[in-house]
Protein backbone atom coordinates (compact mmCIF):
# COMPACT_ATOMS: atom_id res chain seq x y z
CA MET A 1 12.85 157.46 43.76
CA ILE A 2 14.89 156.88 40.62
CA SER A 3 15.04 159.62 37.99
CA GLU A 4 15.49 159.49 34.21
CA GLN A 5 19.06 160.81 34.62
CA ASP A 6 19.97 157.80 36.77
CA VAL A 7 19.17 155.21 34.10
CA TYR A 8 19.52 154.56 30.38
CA LYS A 9 17.42 152.52 27.99
CA ILE A 10 18.69 149.03 27.19
CA GLY A 11 15.70 147.55 25.38
CA GLN A 12 12.02 146.76 25.37
CA ILE A 13 9.73 143.97 26.48
CA GLY A 14 8.28 142.11 23.51
CA ARG A 15 5.57 139.60 24.26
CA THR A 16 4.73 136.94 26.79
CA HIS A 17 6.40 133.56 26.37
CA GLY A 18 4.61 130.44 27.57
CA ILE A 19 2.34 130.29 30.59
CA LYS A 20 4.80 130.67 33.50
CA GLY A 21 5.29 134.44 33.38
CA GLU A 22 8.23 134.75 31.01
CA VAL A 23 8.54 137.66 28.59
CA THR A 24 10.77 138.26 25.59
CA PHE A 25 13.28 141.04 26.10
CA ASN A 26 14.69 142.71 22.98
CA PHE A 27 17.88 144.34 24.23
CA THR A 28 20.44 146.70 22.77
CA ASP A 29 22.86 146.34 25.69
CA ASP A 30 23.56 143.20 27.73
CA VAL A 31 24.85 145.20 30.70
CA TRP A 32 22.30 143.60 33.04
CA ASP A 33 24.01 140.26 32.41
CA ARG A 34 27.59 141.58 32.57
CA ALA A 35 26.89 143.45 35.81
CA GLU A 36 25.08 140.42 37.22
CA SER A 37 22.27 142.74 38.28
CA GLU A 38 19.35 141.47 40.34
CA TYR A 39 16.95 143.97 38.79
CA VAL A 40 16.14 146.26 35.88
CA PHE A 41 13.74 149.19 35.63
CA LEU A 42 10.67 149.16 33.41
CA ARG A 43 8.69 152.24 32.45
CA VAL A 44 5.17 151.32 33.48
CA GLU A 45 2.53 153.98 32.79
CA GLY A 46 5.25 156.64 32.72
CA ILE A 47 6.91 155.62 35.99
CA LEU A 48 10.25 153.78 36.37
CA VAL A 49 9.57 150.65 38.42
CA PRO A 50 12.20 148.12 39.54
CA PHE A 51 11.56 144.50 38.55
CA PHE A 52 13.66 141.79 40.15
CA LEU A 53 14.97 139.02 37.92
CA GLU A 54 14.19 135.48 39.01
CA GLU A 55 15.92 133.95 36.00
CA TYR A 56 16.74 134.61 32.37
CA ARG A 57 18.15 132.88 29.35
CA PHE A 58 19.44 134.15 26.04
CA ARG A 59 17.66 133.26 22.82
CA SER A 60 20.00 135.24 20.53
CA ASP A 61 22.55 138.03 20.76
CA SER A 62 19.71 140.57 21.05
CA THR A 63 16.83 138.64 22.66
CA ALA A 64 16.43 136.99 26.04
CA LEU A 65 13.61 135.43 27.99
CA LEU A 66 13.10 137.05 31.40
CA LYS A 67 11.19 135.76 34.40
CA PHE A 68 10.51 138.35 37.10
CA LEU A 69 10.20 137.46 40.76
CA ASP A 70 6.56 136.99 41.91
CA TYR A 71 5.14 137.09 38.35
CA ASP A 72 4.14 133.50 37.68
CA SER A 73 1.68 133.47 34.79
CA ALA A 74 1.18 134.98 31.35
CA ASN A 75 -1.69 137.02 32.82
CA ASP A 76 0.63 138.48 35.49
CA VAL A 77 3.02 139.92 32.89
CA GLN A 78 0.56 140.88 30.15
CA PHE A 79 0.73 144.56 31.23
CA LEU A 80 4.50 144.61 30.61
CA ILE A 81 4.22 144.11 26.83
CA GLY A 82 5.87 147.07 25.09
CA CYS A 83 7.43 148.53 28.25
CA GLU A 84 10.87 150.11 27.83
CA VAL A 85 13.64 148.58 29.95
CA PHE A 86 16.29 150.68 31.69
CA PHE A 87 19.48 150.04 33.63
CA PRO A 88 21.02 152.26 36.34
CA HIS A 89 24.23 154.11 35.52
CA ALA A 90 25.44 153.37 39.06
CA LEU A 91 25.53 149.62 38.38
CA THR A 92 27.11 149.87 34.93
CA PRO A 93 30.62 148.43 34.96
CA GLU A 94 33.02 151.26 34.27
CA VAL A 95 35.83 149.11 33.03
CA GLY A 96 36.08 146.05 30.85
CA GLU A 97 38.33 143.04 31.15
CA ASP A 98 41.43 145.06 30.25
CA ASP A 99 40.86 147.66 33.00
CA GLU A 100 39.79 150.19 30.36
CA TYR A 101 36.49 152.02 30.24
CA THR A 102 33.93 150.24 28.13
CA TRP A 103 32.32 152.29 25.36
CA ARG A 104 28.89 151.66 26.86
CA TYR A 105 30.03 153.37 30.05
CA PHE A 106 29.60 156.66 28.17
CA THR A 107 25.85 156.21 27.70
CA GLY A 108 24.17 159.19 29.35
CA PHE A 109 27.15 161.51 28.92
CA GLU A 110 26.51 164.92 27.36
CA LEU A 111 28.29 165.32 24.03
CA PHE A 112 29.84 168.62 22.94
CA ASP A 113 31.68 169.72 19.81
CA GLU A 114 34.39 172.40 19.99
CA ILE A 115 32.60 174.49 17.35
CA ALA A 116 28.92 173.46 17.42
CA GLY A 117 28.69 173.31 21.22
CA HIS A 118 26.16 171.04 22.90
CA ILE A 119 25.02 168.20 20.63
CA GLY A 120 22.93 166.19 23.10
CA THR A 121 22.91 163.19 25.39
CA ILE A 122 24.45 159.91 24.30
CA ASP A 123 21.39 157.66 24.31
CA ARG A 124 23.17 154.52 23.23
CA VAL A 125 26.58 153.27 22.16
CA ASP A 126 26.75 150.84 19.25
CA ASP A 127 29.95 148.86 19.66
CA SER A 128 28.80 145.88 17.63
CA THR A 129 31.25 146.71 14.83
CA GLN A 130 34.81 147.97 14.71
CA ASN A 131 33.47 151.52 14.17
CA VAL A 132 31.91 152.47 17.49
CA LEU A 133 29.04 154.96 17.22
CA PHE A 134 27.45 157.33 19.73
CA GLN A 135 23.71 157.61 19.18
CA VAL A 136 22.53 161.10 20.10
CA GLY A 137 18.85 161.40 19.30
CA GLU A 138 18.57 160.42 15.63
CA ARG A 139 22.25 161.14 14.93
CA LEU A 140 24.99 158.55 14.79
CA ILE A 141 28.40 160.04 15.58
CA PRO A 142 31.60 158.03 15.21
CA ALA A 143 33.34 157.64 18.56
CA ALA A 144 36.77 158.08 17.01
CA GLU A 145 39.35 158.42 19.76
CA ASP A 146 41.28 160.98 17.68
CA TRP A 147 38.23 163.27 17.72
CA ILE A 148 37.73 163.07 21.51
CA LYS A 149 39.49 166.04 23.10
CA ASP A 150 38.32 165.79 26.73
CA ILE A 151 36.28 163.50 28.97
CA ASN A 152 34.98 164.82 32.28
CA HIS A 153 33.80 161.80 34.29
CA LYS A 154 32.50 163.88 37.19
CA GLU A 155 30.34 166.11 34.98
CA ARG A 156 29.64 163.21 32.57
CA THR A 157 30.63 165.19 29.46
CA ILE A 158 32.67 164.48 26.34
CA LEU A 159 34.20 167.22 24.20
CA MET A 160 34.91 166.28 20.60
CA SER A 161 36.43 168.01 17.58
CA LEU A 162 34.16 166.72 14.82
CA PRO A 163 35.03 167.11 11.13
CA GLU A 164 33.29 169.98 9.42
CA GLY A 165 29.92 169.00 7.97
CA LEU A 166 29.54 165.77 9.98
CA LEU A 167 26.61 167.15 11.98
CA ASP A 168 24.87 168.21 8.75
CA LEU A 169 24.54 164.61 7.52
């Protein structure tokens, strides 16, 4: 059985689309496409359940239409509306095209500051602009390479030296 620590949130199911079982998927990370995954996990009634992708197509840079295997009508997928969508850390590509770690690889890492200590878990990485941000709960923390002092891949932790007062914002 998959646990919460094994996955990270990549979006949410919107509404049904048409009559053939498609749903809109509002995503914050397109890792499922980049990793060419056959499945994603949906939180259904509090339980993480794998759903296998039959096909999908992009509608924008943050929305796709998904069709799950064996769900062939709007009635079949009605119960999925509003479900959160997750992706397994184990299938997340560690490196990008340049053989460097992608920023999104660090989703799920525990973030620490040299002075403040444990800040929290990196829920999401926003790399849509030149200034990459770690989202930790409600906080957005710049992922400035100069501030990163240590990365422990085995323990999945990042130690940073954040400027004084940044965590007070």
